[in-house]
């Protein structure tokens, strides 16, 4: 049993758009951290946790893309 289920996206364009949005958000959060624009330790840890979650989502995207390529 996994923590979440993944469903196929409708098109390769949708997958690229999803990946681009995740990467953009990750870059924004990293920028806040690098510039010291965090409120306190709890805010820092929350942002780092979100970045880790985005990294996990990007790994899932990679797996889905590999599975799609294997089916072709």
C-alpha atoms as a PDB file:
ATOM      1  CA  UNK A   1       0.000   0.000   0.000  1.00  0.00           C
ATOM      2  CA  UNK A   2       1.462   3.358  -1.024  1.00  0.00           C
ATOM      3  CA  UNK A   3       0.933   6.766   0.537  1.00  0.00           C
ATOM      4  CA  UNK A   4      -0.699   8.041  -2.635  1.00  0.00           C
ATOM      5  CA  UNK A   5      -1.907   6.858  -6.006  1.00  0.00           C
ATOM      6  CA  UNK A   6      -0.616   8.224  -9.286  1.00  0.00           C
ATOM      7  CA  UNK A   7      -2.836   8.500 -12.323  1.00  0.00           C
ATOM      8  CA  UNK A   8      -1.646   8.937 -15.886  1.00  0.00           C
ATOM      9  CA  UNK A   9      -1.839  12.457 -17.240  1.00  0.00           C
ATOM     10  CA  UNK A  10      -3.843  13.139 -20.365  1.00  0.00           C
ATOM     11  CA  UNK A  11      -0.949  14.197 -22.556  1.00  0.00           C
ATOM     12  CA  UNK A  12       2.815  14.583 -22.639  1.00  0.00           C
ATOM     13  CA  UNK A  13       2.252  18.370 -22.675  1.00  0.00           C
ATOM     14  CA  UNK A  14       0.349  18.111 -19.381  1.00  0.00           C
ATOM     15  CA  UNK A  15       3.265  16.207 -17.861  1.00  0.00           C
ATOM     16  CA  UNK A  16       5.745  18.853 -19.026  1.00  0.00           C
ATOM     17  CA  UNK A  17       3.530  21.637 -17.664  1.00  0.00           C
ATOM     18  CA  UNK A  18       3.198  19.874 -14.314  1.00  0.00           C
ATOM     19  CA  UNK A  19       6.968  19.343 -14.095  1.00  0.00           C
ATOM     20  CA  UNK A  20       7.663  22.978 -15.032  1.00  0.00           C
ATOM     21  CA  UNK A  21       5.297  24.261 -12.350  1.00  0.00           C
ATOM     22  CA  UNK A  22       6.890  22.031  -9.708  1.00  0.00           C
ATOM     23  CA  UNK A  23      10.368  23.168 -10.688  1.00  0.00           C
ATOM     24  CA  UNK A  24       9.295  26.833 -10.662  1.00  0.00           C
ATOM     25  CA  UNK A  25       7.836  26.506  -7.157  1.00  0.00           C
ATOM     26  CA  UNK A  26      10.943  24.687  -5.933  1.00  0.00           C
ATOM     27  CA  UNK A  27      13.138  27.488  -7.295  1.00  0.00           C
ATOM     28  CA  UNK A  28      10.970  30.100  -5.562  1.00  0.00           C
ATOM     29  CA  UNK A  29      11.250  28.344  -2.216  1.00  0.00           C
ATOM     30  CA  UNK A  30      14.994  27.853  -2.602  1.00  0.00           C
ATOM     31  CA  UNK A  31      15.355  31.545  -3.422  1.00  0.00           C
ATOM     32  CA  UNK A  32      13.572  32.517  -0.195  1.00  0.00           C
ATOM     33  CA  UNK A  33      15.948  30.337   1.772  1.00  0.00           C
ATOM     34  CA  UNK A  34      19.102  31.510  -0.018  1.00  0.00           C
ATOM     35  CA  UNK A  35      18.241  35.185   0.447  1.00  0.00           C
ATOM     36  CA  UNK A  36      17.428  34.665   4.117  1.00  0.00           C
ATOM     37  CA  UNK A  37      13.815  35.664   3.527  1.00  0.00           C
ATOM     38  CA  UNK A  38      12.395  33.229   6.080  1.00  0.00           C
ATOM     39  CA  UNK A  39      10.608  34.275   9.237  1.00  0.00           C
ATOM     40  CA  UNK A  40      12.038  31.805  11.733  1.00  0.00           C
ATOM     41  CA  UNK A  41      13.331  28.261  12.176  1.00  0.00           C
ATOM     42  CA  UNK A  42       9.847  26.756  11.822  1.00  0.00           C
ATOM     43  CA  UNK A  43       9.296  28.625   8.550  1.00  0.00           C
ATOM     44  CA  UNK A  44      12.686  27.456   7.289  1.00  0.00           C
ATOM     45  CA  UNK A  45      11.921  23.823   8.164  1.00  0.00           C
ATOM     46  CA  UNK A  46       8.484  24.044   6.526  1.00  0.00           C
ATOM     47  CA  UNK A  47       9.970  25.396   3.302  1.00  0.00           C
ATOM     48  CA  UNK A  48      12.675  22.717   3.295  1.00  0.00           C
ATOM     49  CA  UNK A  49       9.973  20.076   3.811  1.00  0.00           C
ATOM     50  CA  UNK A  50       7.979  21.420   0.873  1.00  0.00           C
ATOM     51  CA  UNK A  51      11.117  21.330  -1.284  1.00  0.00           C
ATOM     52  CA  UNK A  52      11.676  17.709  -0.275  1.00  0.00           C
ATOM     53  CA  UNK A  53       8.068  16.939  -1.224  1.00  0.00           C
ATOM     54  CA  UNK A  54       8.531  18.595  -4.605  1.00  0.00           C
ATOM     55  CA  UNK A  55      11.694  16.534  -5.139  1.00  0.00           C
ATOM     56  CA  UNK A  56       9.681  13.387  -4.432  1.00  0.00           C
ATOM     57  CA  UNK A  57       6.995  14.484  -6.902  1.00  0.00           C
ATOM     58  CA  UNK A  58       9.676  15.116  -9.531  1.00  0.00           C
ATOM     59  CA  UNK A  59      11.044  11.598  -8.957  1.00  0.00           C
ATOM     60  CA  UNK A  60       7.533  10.226  -9.526  1.00  0.00           C
ATOM     61  CA  UNK A  61       7.378  12.233 -12.765  1.00  0.00           C
ATOM     62  CA  UNK A  62      10.688  10.684 -13.826  1.00  0.00           C
ATOM     63  CA  UNK A  63       9.363   7.188 -13.089  1.00  0.00           C
ATOM     64  CA  UNK A  64       6.172   7.823 -15.055  1.00  0.00           C
ATOM     65  CA  UNK A  65       8.126   9.158 -18.015  1.00  0.00           C
ATOM     66  CA  UNK A  66      10.409   6.101 -17.974  1.00  0.00           C
ATOM     67  CA  UNK A  67       7.382   3.787 -17.855  1.00  0.00           C
ATOM     68  CA  UNK A  68       5.822   5.640 -20.787  1.00  0.00           C
ATOM     69  CA  UNK A  69       9.005   5.356 -22.828  1.00  0.00           C
ATOM     70  CA  UNK A  70       9.255   1.621 -22.059  1.00  0.00           C
ATOM     71  CA  UNK A  71       5.732   1.076 -23.403  1.00  0.00           C
ATOM     72  CA  UNK A  72       6.523   2.697 -26.761  1.00  0.00           C
END
